[in-house]
C-alpha atoms as a PDB file:
ATOM      1  CA  MET A   1     -62.352 -19.884 -14.673  1.00  0.00           C
ATOM      2  CA  THR A   2     -60.091 -17.143 -16.548  1.00  0.00           C
ATOM      3  CA  GLN A   3     -57.220 -18.714 -17.951  1.00  0.00           C
ATOM      4  CA  THR A   4     -54.416 -16.188 -17.736  1.00  0.00           C
ATOM      5  CA  ILE A   5     -51.340 -15.939 -20.372  1.00  0.00           C
ATOM      6  CA  LEU A   6     -47.924 -14.429 -19.539  1.00  0.00           C
ATOM      7  CA  VAL A   7     -47.050 -12.091 -23.231  1.00  0.00           C
ATOM      8  CA  VAL A   8     -43.605 -11.630 -23.471  1.00  0.00           C
ATOM      9  CA  ASP A   9     -42.143  -9.739 -26.032  1.00  0.00           C
ATOM     10  CA  ASP A  10     -39.867  -6.999 -26.234  1.00  0.00           C
ATOM     11  CA  ASP A  11     -41.938  -4.842 -28.968  1.00  0.00           C
ATOM     12  CA  PRO A  12     -44.494  -2.927 -26.918  1.00  0.00           C
ATOM     13  CA  GLN A  13     -46.874  -2.441 -30.013  1.00  0.00           C
ATOM     14  CA  LEU A  14     -46.703  -6.335 -30.555  1.00  0.00           C
ATOM     15  CA  ARG A  15     -47.283  -7.261 -27.421  1.00  0.00           C
ATOM     16  CA  LYS A  16     -50.355  -4.801 -27.001  1.00  0.00           C
ATOM     17  CA  THR A  17     -52.043  -5.824 -29.799  1.00  0.00           C
ATOM     18  CA  ILE A  18     -51.435  -9.551 -28.770  1.00  0.00           C
ATOM     19  CA  ALA A  19     -52.599  -8.480 -24.898  1.00  0.00           C
ATOM     20  CA  LEU A  20     -55.757  -7.075 -26.460  1.00  0.00           C
ATOM     21  CA  THR A  21     -56.693 -10.058 -28.838  1.00  0.00           C
ATOM     22  CA  LEU A  22     -56.455 -12.426 -26.091  1.00  0.00           C
ATOM     23  CA  VAL A  23     -58.776  -9.780 -23.901  1.00  0.00           C
ATOM     24  CA  ASP A  24     -60.974 -10.010 -26.123  1.00  0.00           C
ATOM     25  CA  ALA A  25     -60.992 -13.596 -26.253  1.00  0.00           C
ATOM     26  CA  GLY A  26     -61.714 -14.180 -23.015  1.00  0.00           C
ATOM     27  CA  TYR A  27     -58.454 -14.835 -21.114  1.00  0.00           C
ATOM     28  CA  ALA A  28     -56.615 -12.927 -18.456  1.00  0.00           C
ATOM     29  CA  VAL A  29     -53.517 -11.372 -19.607  1.00  0.00           C
ATOM     30  CA  ARG A  30     -50.318 -10.292 -18.037  1.00  0.00           C
ATOM     31  CA  GLU A  31     -47.100  -8.577 -19.873  1.00  0.00           C
ATOM     32  CA  ALA A  32     -43.904  -9.072 -19.970  1.00  0.00           C
ATOM     33  CA  GLY A  33     -41.012  -6.730 -22.189  1.00  0.00           C
ATOM     34  CA  ASP A  34     -38.396  -9.720 -21.748  1.00  0.00           C
ATOM     35  CA  GLY A  35     -37.067 -13.162 -19.779  1.00  0.00           C
ATOM     36  CA  LEU A  36     -36.090 -11.356 -16.760  1.00  0.00           C
ATOM     37  CA  LYS A  37     -39.323  -9.913 -16.044  1.00  0.00           C
ATOM     38  CA  ALA A  38     -41.361 -12.876 -16.964  1.00  0.00           C
ATOM     39  CA  LEU A  39     -39.286 -15.148 -14.588  1.00  0.00           C
ATOM     40  CA  GLN A  40     -40.622 -12.439 -11.879  1.00  0.00           C
ATOM     41  CA  VAL A  41     -44.463 -12.502 -13.154  1.00  0.00           C
ATOM     42  CA  VAL A  42     -44.159 -16.515 -13.106  1.00  0.00           C
ATOM     43  CA  ALA A  43     -42.595 -16.594  -9.897  1.00  0.00           C
ATOM     44  CA  ALA A  44     -45.300 -14.222  -8.159  1.00  0.00           C
ATOM     45  CA  ALA A  45     -48.235 -16.183 -10.026  1.00  0.00           C
ATOM     46  CA  THR A  46     -47.712 -18.698 -12.536  1.00  0.00           C
ATOM     47  CA  PRO A  47     -49.874 -18.493 -15.645  1.00  0.00           C
ATOM     48  CA  ASP A  48     -51.325 -20.743 -17.546  1.00  0.00           C
ATOM     49  CA  LEU A  49     -49.476 -20.204 -20.652  1.00  0.00           C
ATOM     50  CA  ILE A  50     -46.646 -18.236 -21.559  1.00  0.00           C
ATOM     51  CA  LEU A  51     -46.416 -16.830 -25.420  1.00  0.00           C
ATOM     52  CA  SER A  52     -43.147 -15.416 -25.977  1.00  0.00           C
ATOM     53  CA  ASP A  53     -40.587 -14.096 -28.735  1.00  0.00           C
ATOM     54  CA  VAL A  54     -37.200 -15.980 -29.244  1.00  0.00           C
ATOM     55  CA  LYS A  55     -35.560 -13.021 -29.762  1.00  0.00           C
ATOM     56  CA  MET A  56     -34.999 -10.530 -26.865  1.00  0.00           C
ATOM     57  CA  PRO A  57     -33.029  -8.513 -24.830  1.00  0.00           C
ATOM     58  CA  ARG A  58     -31.621  -9.433 -21.242  1.00  0.00           C
ATOM     59  CA  LEU A  59     -32.869 -13.232 -21.366  1.00  0.00           C
ATOM     60  CA  ASP A  60     -34.342 -14.260 -24.599  1.00  0.00           C
ATOM     61  CA  GLY A  61     -37.366 -17.017 -25.365  1.00  0.00           C
ATOM     62  CA  ILE A  62     -35.077 -20.057 -25.355  1.00  0.00           C
ATOM     63  CA  GLU A  63     -33.271 -19.338 -22.042  1.00  0.00           C
ATOM     64  CA  LEU A  64     -36.901 -18.414 -20.336  1.00  0.00           C
ATOM     65  CA  ALA A  65     -38.559 -21.578 -21.612  1.00  0.00           C
ATOM     66  CA  ARG A  66     -35.304 -23.755 -19.955  1.00  0.00           C
ATOM     67  CA  SER A  67     -35.783 -21.933 -16.838  1.00  0.00           C
ATOM     68  CA  ILE A  68     -39.540 -22.745 -17.357  1.00  0.00           C
ATOM     69  CA  ALA A  69     -39.328 -26.051 -18.008  1.00  0.00           C
ATOM     70  CA  ARG A  70     -36.716 -26.705 -14.830  1.00  0.00           C
ATOM     71  CA  SER A  71     -39.192 -25.031 -12.627  1.00  0.00           C
ATOM     72  CA  ARG A  72     -41.469 -26.334  -9.958  1.00  0.00           C
ATOM     73  CA  ALA A  73     -44.882 -25.524 -11.769  1.00  0.00           C
ATOM     74  CA  PRO A  74     -44.189 -25.291 -15.225  1.00  0.00           C
ATOM     75  CA  ALA A  75     -46.279 -23.504 -17.858  1.00  0.00           C
ATOM     76  CA  PRO A  76     -46.534 -24.440 -21.289  1.00  0.00           C
ATOM     77  CA  ILE A  77     -44.998 -22.190 -23.387  1.00  0.00           C
ATOM     78  CA  ILE A  78     -45.121 -21.041 -27.152  1.00  0.00           C
ATOM     79  CA  LEU A  79     -42.626 -19.202 -28.937  1.00  0.00           C
ATOM     80  CA  MET A  80     -42.818 -16.806 -31.657  1.00  0.00           C
ATOM     81  CA  SER A  81     -40.189 -15.387 -33.850  1.00  0.00           C
ATOM     82  CA  SER A  82     -39.611 -14.026 -37.466  1.00  0.00           C
ATOM     83  CA  GLY A  83     -38.137 -16.741 -38.645  1.00  0.00           C
ATOM     84  CA  PRO A  84     -40.514 -18.812 -40.611  1.00  0.00           C
ATOM     85  CA  ILE A  85     -39.156 -22.245 -38.913  1.00  0.00           C
ATOM     86  CA  ALA A  86     -38.689 -22.914 -35.437  1.00  0.00           C
ATOM     87  CA  PRO A  87     -35.337 -21.936 -33.782  1.00  0.00           C
ATOM     88  CA  PRO A  88     -33.187 -24.959 -31.898  1.00  0.00           C
ATOM     89  CA  GLY A  89     -33.333 -25.143 -28.422  1.00  0.00           C
ATOM     90  CA  PRO A  90     -36.577 -26.667 -26.352  1.00  0.00           C
ATOM     91  CA  ARG A  91     -39.139 -28.483 -27.986  1.00  0.00           C
ATOM     92  CA  ALA A  92     -42.139 -26.104 -27.880  1.00  0.00           C
ATOM     93  CA  PRO A  93     -45.397 -25.065 -29.870  1.00  0.00           C
ATOM     94  CA  PHE A  94     -43.829 -22.377 -32.322  1.00  0.00           C
ATOM     95  CA  ILE A  95     -45.335 -19.704 -34.828  1.00  0.00           C
ATOM     96  CA  GLY A  96     -43.942 -17.648 -36.957  1.00  0.00           C
ATOM     97  CA  LYS A  97     -44.148 -14.014 -37.118  1.00  0.00           C
ATOM     98  CA  PRO A  98     -45.802 -11.851 -38.921  1.00  0.00           C
ATOM     99  CA  PHE A  99     -49.120 -13.980 -37.697  1.00  0.00           C
ATOM    100  CA  ASN A 100     -52.809 -14.504 -38.342  1.00  0.00           C
ATOM    101  CA  LEU A 101     -54.156 -13.457 -35.167  1.00  0.00           C
ATOM    102  CA  ASP A 102     -56.963 -16.091 -35.354  1.00  0.00           C
ATOM    103  CA  ALA A 103     -54.277 -18.667 -36.355  1.00  0.00           C
ATOM    104  CA  LEU A 104     -52.553 -18.035 -33.059  1.00  0.00           C
ATOM    105  CA  LEU A 105     -55.657 -17.815 -30.615  1.00  0.00           C
ATOM    106  CA  ASP A 106     -56.315 -21.518 -32.426  1.00  0.00           C
ATOM    107  CA  LEU A 107     -52.605 -22.773 -31.192  1.00  0.00           C
ATOM    108  CA  ILE A 108     -53.553 -21.168 -27.752  1.00  0.00           C
ATOM    109  CA  SER A 109     -56.699 -23.207 -27.761  1.00  0.00           C
ATOM    110  CA  ARG A 110     -54.887 -26.571 -28.563  1.00  0.00           C
ATOM    111  CA  VAL A 111     -52.138 -26.228 -26.454  1.00  0.00           C
ATOM    112  CA  LEU A 112     -54.214 -24.732 -23.530  1.00  0.00           C
ATOM    113  CA  ALA A 113     -56.637 -28.010 -23.745  1.00  0.00           C
ATOM    114  CA  GLN A 114     -53.231 -30.261 -24.521  1.00  0.00           C
ATOM    115  CA  ALA A 115     -52.121 -29.106 -21.124  1.00  0.00           C
ATOM    116  CA  SER A 116     -55.318 -29.564 -19.024  1.00  0.00           C
ATOM    117  CA  ALA A 117     -55.652 -33.300 -20.580  1.00  0.00           C
ATOM    118  CA  ARG A 118     -52.238 -33.790 -19.134  1.00  0.00           C
ATOM    119  CA  HIS A 119     -53.435 -32.497 -16.121  1.00  0.00           C
ATOM    120  CA  THR A 120     -56.749 -34.887 -15.868  1.00  0.00           C
ATOM    121  CA  ASN A 121     -54.682 -37.732 -16.867  1.00  0.00           C
ATOM    122  CA  ALA A 122     -51.909 -37.438 -14.134  1.00  0.00           C
END
């Protein structure tokens, strides 16, 4: 079954680039331009993974990650930001922008494998 990734970023060009890369890698992709829209997408159907920018209008990635963690069916989340180090907030995998798309795909693969292992062992 194809895994679904929700890409959340207020930069439409970067969001599209990431989405196209993920589709080419065999993932199904949903998109959101901010955290509030992402919560609406998640409420409709929980993705297998969320890839979210930290700095966004309306609801930033940190608050999105907190909301997702409190949800009935939390999805793993990877945070991304232009800073070289992870911002304070929820403990989540982090990748700094700009990033190599192959490194992003590798991180996504590892996070999805860890999530799958947790579900298998639960």
